Amino acid sequence: MSQDGVIFRRFESGDADDVWHLHRSASEAVGVRGPEGTWEDDLRNVGEVYIASGGDFVVAHIGPQLAAMGGLKPVDNDVAQLKRLRVDPAFQRRGLGRRILSELESRAVSLGFKWIKLDTTKSQVGAQRVYETAGYTRCAEGMLHGHAVIFYEKRLAGPD
């Protein structure tokens, strides 16, 4: 446990409902929550999609409350896609997004990935700021599930 009471750990099956609710509430808070759809199926099967595939999924708890989460989904041996980085609206603006991003980057390096790629909507200015100040480079723009998005990538420090 850290000095401020935040515990970072790997997703466990008992976290499934909390992960789903955090995804939906955080998406709604930033205006990107749409109707449920197949694009969210990964969150119904976190263990298989993220962990069993060679990636990881991290949750951050403050007491019993799930405060933040994020996943690494392998693209290939060198690249992981960062997915589902969410911070509970009640815990935002405390550096949790930056801290869980750092935790995921450390795990990506230990898993042997050399790059992280991700996307975020153009409307999520706070997320863009977190990624850009953490060294992510904008590499493209496009549309995903009806939202204008920005694609980012970062070369990870670590052994080649």
C-alpha atoms as a PDB file:
ATOM      1  CA  MET A   1       0.000   0.000   0.000  1.00  0.00           C
ATOM      2  CA  SER A   2       1.253   3.478  -0.779  1.00  0.00           C
ATOM      3  CA  GLN A   3       1.390   6.270   1.769  1.00  0.00           C
ATOM      4  CA  ASP A   4      -1.851   7.823   0.485  1.00  0.00           C
ATOM      5  CA  GLY A   5      -3.835   4.601   0.753  1.00  0.00           C
ATOM      6  CA  VAL A   6      -3.850   3.741  -2.963  1.00  0.00           C
ATOM      7  CA  ILE A   7      -3.308   0.056  -3.724  1.00  0.00           C
ATOM      8  CA  PHE A   8      -2.334  -0.976  -7.273  1.00  0.00           C
ATOM      9  CA  ARG A   9      -2.769  -4.632  -8.151  1.00  0.00           C
ATOM     10  CA  ARG A  10      -3.616  -6.964 -10.998  1.00  0.00           C
ATOM     11  CA  PHE A  11      -7.289  -7.453 -11.897  1.00  0.00           C
ATOM     12  CA  GLU A  12      -8.992 -10.409 -10.211  1.00  0.00           C
ATOM     13  CA  SER A  13     -12.267 -12.012 -11.292  1.00  0.00           C
ATOM     14  CA  GLY A  14     -14.078 -10.496  -8.285  1.00  0.00           C
ATOM     15  CA  ASP A  15     -13.337  -7.027  -9.733  1.00  0.00           C
ATOM     16  CA  ALA A  16     -15.475  -7.595 -12.843  1.00  0.00           C
ATOM     17  CA  ASP A  17     -18.620  -5.721 -11.758  1.00  0.00           C
ATOM     18  CA  ASP A  18     -16.655  -2.788 -10.308  1.00  0.00           C
ATOM     19  CA  VAL A  19     -14.573  -2.540 -13.503  1.00  0.00           C
ATOM     20  CA  TRP A  20     -17.722  -2.465 -15.637  1.00  0.00           C
ATOM     21  CA  HIS A  21     -19.354   0.215 -13.471  1.00  0.00           C
ATOM     22  CA  LEU A  22     -16.205   2.358 -13.413  1.00  0.00           C
ATOM     23  CA  HIS A  23     -15.950   2.135 -17.208  1.00  0.00           C
ATOM     24  CA  ARG A  24     -19.564   3.238 -17.664  1.00  0.00           C
ATOM     25  CA  SER A  25     -19.529   6.046 -15.065  1.00  0.00           C
ATOM     26  CA  ALA A  26     -16.168   7.465 -16.184  1.00  0.00           C
ATOM     27  CA  SER A  27     -17.253   7.340 -19.847  1.00  0.00           C
ATOM     28  CA  GLU A  28     -20.483   9.130 -19.018  1.00  0.00           C
ATOM     29  CA  ALA A  29     -18.641  11.808 -17.023  1.00  0.00           C
ATOM     30  CA  VAL A  30     -16.580  12.783 -20.100  1.00  0.00           C
ATOM     31  CA  GLY A  31     -19.476  12.521 -22.534  1.00  0.00           C
ATOM     32  CA  VAL A  32     -18.376   9.441 -24.473  1.00  0.00           C
ATOM     33  CA  ARG A  33     -20.770   6.868 -23.054  1.00  0.00           C
ATOM     34  CA  GLY A  34     -22.918   5.384 -25.757  1.00  0.00           C
ATOM     35  CA  PRO A  35     -25.266   2.438 -25.777  1.00  0.00           C
ATOM     36  CA  GLU A  36     -23.688  -0.824 -24.681  1.00  0.00           C
ATOM     37  CA  GLY A  37     -22.133  -2.677 -27.572  1.00  0.00           C
ATOM     38  CA  THR A  38     -19.708  -5.326 -28.707  1.00  0.00           C
ATOM     39  CA  TRP A  39     -16.831  -2.795 -28.514  1.00  0.00           C
ATOM     40  CA  GLU A  40     -17.082  -3.224 -24.738  1.00  0.00           C
ATOM     41  CA  ASP A  41     -16.918  -7.032 -24.731  1.00  0.00           C
ATOM     42  CA  ASP A  42     -13.289  -6.900 -23.557  1.00  0.00           C
ATOM     43  CA  LEU A  43     -14.537  -5.623 -20.199  1.00  0.00           C
ATOM     44  CA  ARG A  44     -16.807  -8.642 -19.834  1.00  0.00           C
ATOM     45  CA  ASN A  45     -13.766 -10.920 -20.175  1.00  0.00           C
ATOM     46  CA  VAL A  46     -10.773  -9.012 -18.771  1.00  0.00           C
ATOM     47  CA  GLY A  47      -8.849 -12.110 -17.676  1.00  0.00           C
ATOM     48  CA  GLU A  48      -8.817 -13.660 -21.129  1.00  0.00           C
ATOM     49  CA  VAL A  49      -8.567 -10.518 -23.287  1.00  0.00           C
ATOM     50  CA  TYR A  50      -5.824  -8.786 -21.306  1.00  0.00           C
ATOM     51  CA  ILE A  51      -4.035 -11.148 -18.929  1.00  0.00           C
ATOM     52  CA  ALA A  52      -4.170 -14.577 -20.607  1.00  0.00           C
ATOM     53  CA  SER A  53      -3.188 -12.958 -23.929  1.00  0.00           C
ATOM     54  CA  GLY A  54       0.151 -11.824 -22.468  1.00  0.00           C
ATOM     55  CA  GLY A  55      -0.851  -8.317 -21.416  1.00  0.00           C
ATOM     56  CA  ASP A  56      -2.078  -7.065 -18.056  1.00  0.00           C
ATOM     57  CA  PHE A  57      -4.919  -5.184 -16.384  1.00  0.00           C
ATOM     58  CA  VAL A  58      -4.341  -3.058 -13.296  1.00  0.00           C
ATOM     59  CA  VAL A  59      -6.837  -1.745 -10.766  1.00  0.00           C
ATOM     60  CA  ALA A  60      -6.245   0.949  -8.142  1.00  0.00           C
ATOM     61  CA  HIS A  61      -8.226   0.867  -4.911  1.00  0.00           C
ATOM     62  CA  ILE A  62      -8.628   3.515  -2.245  1.00  0.00           C
ATOM     63  CA  GLY A  63     -10.070   1.562   0.650  1.00  0.00           C
ATOM     64  CA  PRO A  64     -12.805  -0.685  -0.758  1.00  0.00           C
ATOM     65  CA  GLN A  65     -13.482   1.690  -3.686  1.00  0.00           C
ATOM     66  CA  LEU A  66     -12.180   0.971  -7.207  1.00  0.00           C
ATOM     67  CA  ALA A  67     -10.689   4.365  -8.074  1.00  0.00           C
ATOM     68  CA  ALA A  68      -8.845   3.733 -11.357  1.00  0.00           C
ATOM     69  CA  MET A  69      -8.013   1.024 -13.874  1.00  0.00           C
ATOM     70  CA  GLY A  70      -6.287   0.337 -17.154  1.00  0.00           C
ATOM     71  CA  GLY A  71      -5.247  -2.508 -19.406  1.00  0.00           C
ATOM     72  CA  LEU A  72      -2.475  -3.570 -21.744  1.00  0.00           C
ATOM     73  CA  LYS A  73      -3.576  -5.634 -24.729  1.00  0.00           C
ATOM     74  CA  PRO A  74      -0.811  -7.180 -26.852  1.00  0.00           C
ATOM     75  CA  VAL A  75      -0.783  -6.163 -30.525  1.00  0.00           C
ATOM     76  CA  ASP A  76       2.375  -8.153 -31.298  1.00  0.00           C
ATOM     77  CA  ASN A  77       5.597  -9.091 -29.470  1.00  0.00           C
ATOM     78  CA  ASP A  78       6.795  -5.478 -29.345  1.00  0.00           C
ATOM     79  CA  VAL A  79       3.588  -3.429 -29.073  1.00  0.00           C
ATOM     80  CA  ALA A  80       0.916  -3.247 -26.409  1.00  0.00           C
ATOM     81  CA  GLN A  81      -2.254  -1.223 -26.798  1.00  0.00           C
ATOM     82  CA  LEU A  82      -3.248   0.734 -23.710  1.00  0.00           C
ATOM     83  CA  LYS A  83      -6.986   0.357 -23.205  1.00  0.00           C
ATOM     84  CA  ARG A  84      -9.678   1.313 -20.717  1.00  0.00           C
ATOM     85  CA  LEU A  85      -7.678   3.791 -18.659  1.00  0.00           C
ATOM     86  CA  ARG A  86     -10.375   5.151 -16.375  1.00  0.00           C
ATOM     87  CA  VAL A  87     -10.420   7.184 -13.174  1.00  0.00           C
ATOM     88  CA  ASP A  88     -13.560   7.406 -11.073  1.00  0.00           C
ATOM     89  CA  PRO A  89     -14.880  10.985 -11.423  1.00  0.00           C
ATOM     90  CA  ALA A  90     -14.864  11.280  -7.606  1.00  0.00           C
ATOM     91  CA  PHE A  91     -11.086  10.648  -7.579  1.00  0.00           C
ATOM     92  CA  GLN A  92     -10.021  12.704 -10.597  1.00  0.00           C
ATOM     93  CA  ARG A  93      -7.488  15.521 -10.451  1.00  0.00           C
ATOM     94  CA  ARG A  94      -5.392  13.679  -7.853  1.00  0.00           C
ATOM     95  CA  GLY A  95      -2.772  12.257 -10.215  1.00  0.00           C
ATOM     96  CA  LEU A  96      -4.302   8.769 -10.310  1.00  0.00           C
ATOM     97  CA  GLY A  97      -4.462   8.685 -14.110  1.00  0.00           C
ATOM     98  CA  ARG A  98      -0.769   9.516 -14.341  1.00  0.00           C
ATOM     99  CA  ARG A  99       0.078   6.960 -11.639  1.00  0.00           C
ATOM    100  CA  ILE A 100      -1.842   4.089 -13.213  1.00  0.00           C
ATOM    101  CA  LEU A 101      -0.320   4.989 -16.593  1.00  0.00           C
ATOM    102  CA  SER A 102       3.143   4.770 -15.014  1.00  0.00           C
ATOM    103  CA  GLU A 103       2.247   1.412 -13.422  1.00  0.00           C
ATOM    104  CA  LEU A 104       1.068   0.075 -16.797  1.00  0.00           C
ATOM    105  CA  GLU A 105       4.226   1.310 -18.526  1.00  0.00           C
ATOM    106  CA  SER A 106       6.388  -0.488 -15.935  1.00  0.00           C
ATOM    107  CA  ARG A 107       4.417  -3.680 -16.454  1.00  0.00           C
ATOM    108  CA  ALA A 108       4.711  -3.318 -20.241  1.00  0.00           C
ATOM    109  CA  VAL A 109       8.508  -3.073 -19.959  1.00  0.00           C
ATOM    110  CA  SER A 110       8.641  -6.134 -17.682  1.00  0.00           C
ATOM    111  CA  LEU A 111       6.468  -8.039 -20.187  1.00  0.00           C
ATOM    112  CA  GLY A 112       8.958  -7.190 -22.942  1.00  0.00           C
ATOM    113  CA  PHE A 113       6.967  -4.623 -24.919  1.00  0.00           C
ATOM    114  CA  LYS A 114       8.905  -1.842 -26.635  1.00  0.00           C
ATOM    115  CA  TRP A 115       5.984   0.428 -27.570  1.00  0.00           C
ATOM    116  CA  ILE A 116       2.621   1.428 -26.195  1.00  0.00           C
ATOM    117  CA  LYS A 117      -0.065   2.677 -28.546  1.00  0.00           C
ATOM    118  CA  LEU A 118      -3.397   4.145 -27.502  1.00  0.00           C
ATOM    119  CA  ASP A 119      -6.235   6.339 -28.590  1.00  0.00           C
ATOM    120  CA  THR A 120      -8.430   8.865 -26.837  1.00  0.00           C
ATOM    121  CA  THR A 121     -11.314  11.012 -27.994  1.00  0.00           C
ATOM    122  CA  LYS A 122     -10.676  14.581 -29.063  1.00  0.00           C
ATOM    123  CA  SER A 123     -13.101  15.735 -26.387  1.00  0.00           C
ATOM    124  CA  GLN A 124     -11.015  14.228 -23.562  1.00  0.00           C
ATOM    125  CA  VAL A 125      -8.573  17.095 -23.149  1.00  0.00           C
ATOM    126  CA  GLY A 126      -7.523  15.960 -19.677  1.00  0.00           C
ATOM    127  CA  ALA A 127      -6.530  12.534 -20.996  1.00  0.00           C
ATOM    128  CA  GLN A 128      -4.609  14.121 -23.867  1.00  0.00           C
ATOM    129  CA  ARG A 129      -2.672  16.241 -21.367  1.00  0.00           C
ATOM    130  CA  VAL A 130      -1.821  13.165 -19.244  1.00  0.00           C
ATOM    131  CA  TYR A 131      -0.525  11.250 -22.278  1.00  0.00           C
ATOM    132  CA  GLU A 132       1.397  14.157 -23.783  1.00  0.00           C
ATOM    133  CA  THR A 133       3.109  15.106 -20.511  1.00  0.00           C
ATOM    134  CA  ALA A 134       4.042  11.420 -20.073  1.00  0.00           C
ATOM    135  CA  GLY A 135       5.907  11.460 -23.397  1.00  0.00           C
ATOM    136  CA  TYR A 136       3.287  10.108 -25.809  1.00  0.00           C
ATOM    137  CA  THR A 137       3.408  11.433 -29.374  1.00  0.00           C
ATOM    138  CA  ARG A 138       0.335  12.113 -31.487  1.00  0.00           C
ATOM    139  CA  CYS A 139       0.679   9.997 -34.613  1.00  0.00           C
ATOM    140  CA  ALA A 140      -2.746  10.153 -36.306  1.00  0.00           C
ATOM    141  CA  GLU A 141      -6.366  11.188 -36.008  1.00  0.00           C
ATOM    142  CA  GLY A 142      -9.455   9.296 -37.054  1.00  0.00           C
ATOM    143  CA  MET A 143     -12.884   7.998 -36.087  1.00  0.00           C
ATOM    144  CA  LEU A 144     -13.712   5.065 -33.782  1.00  0.00           C
ATOM    145  CA  HIS A 145     -17.250   4.033 -32.824  1.00  0.00           C
ATOM    146  CA  GLY A 146     -18.573   7.409 -33.957  1.00  0.00           C
ATOM    147  CA  HIS A 147     -16.053   9.478 -31.981  1.00  0.00           C
ATOM    148  CA  ALA A 148     -13.233  11.644 -33.309  1.00  0.00           C
ATOM    149  CA  VAL A 149     -10.044  10.220 -31.793  1.00  0.00           C
ATOM    150  CA  ILE A 150      -6.341  10.952 -31.536  1.00  0.00           C
ATOM    151  CA  PHE A 151      -3.870   8.075 -31.767  1.00  0.00           C
ATOM    152  CA  TYR A 152      -0.728   8.184 -29.626  1.00  0.00           C
ATOM    153  CA  GLU A 153       2.401   6.078 -29.270  1.00  0.00           C
ATOM    154  CA  LYS A 154       5.408   5.945 -26.984  1.00  0.00           C
ATOM    155  CA  ARG A 155       8.697   4.088 -27.180  1.00  0.00           C
ATOM    156  CA  LEU A 156       9.355   2.505 -23.800  1.00  0.00           C
ATOM    157  CA  ALA A 157      12.673   2.690 -22.034  1.00  0.00           C
ATOM    158  CA  GLY A 158      14.099  -0.710 -21.381  1.00  0.00           C
ATOM    159  CA  PRO A 159      16.424  -3.356 -22.753  1.00  0.00           C
ATOM    160  CA  ASP A 160      16.358  -3.807 -26.526  1.00  0.00           C
END
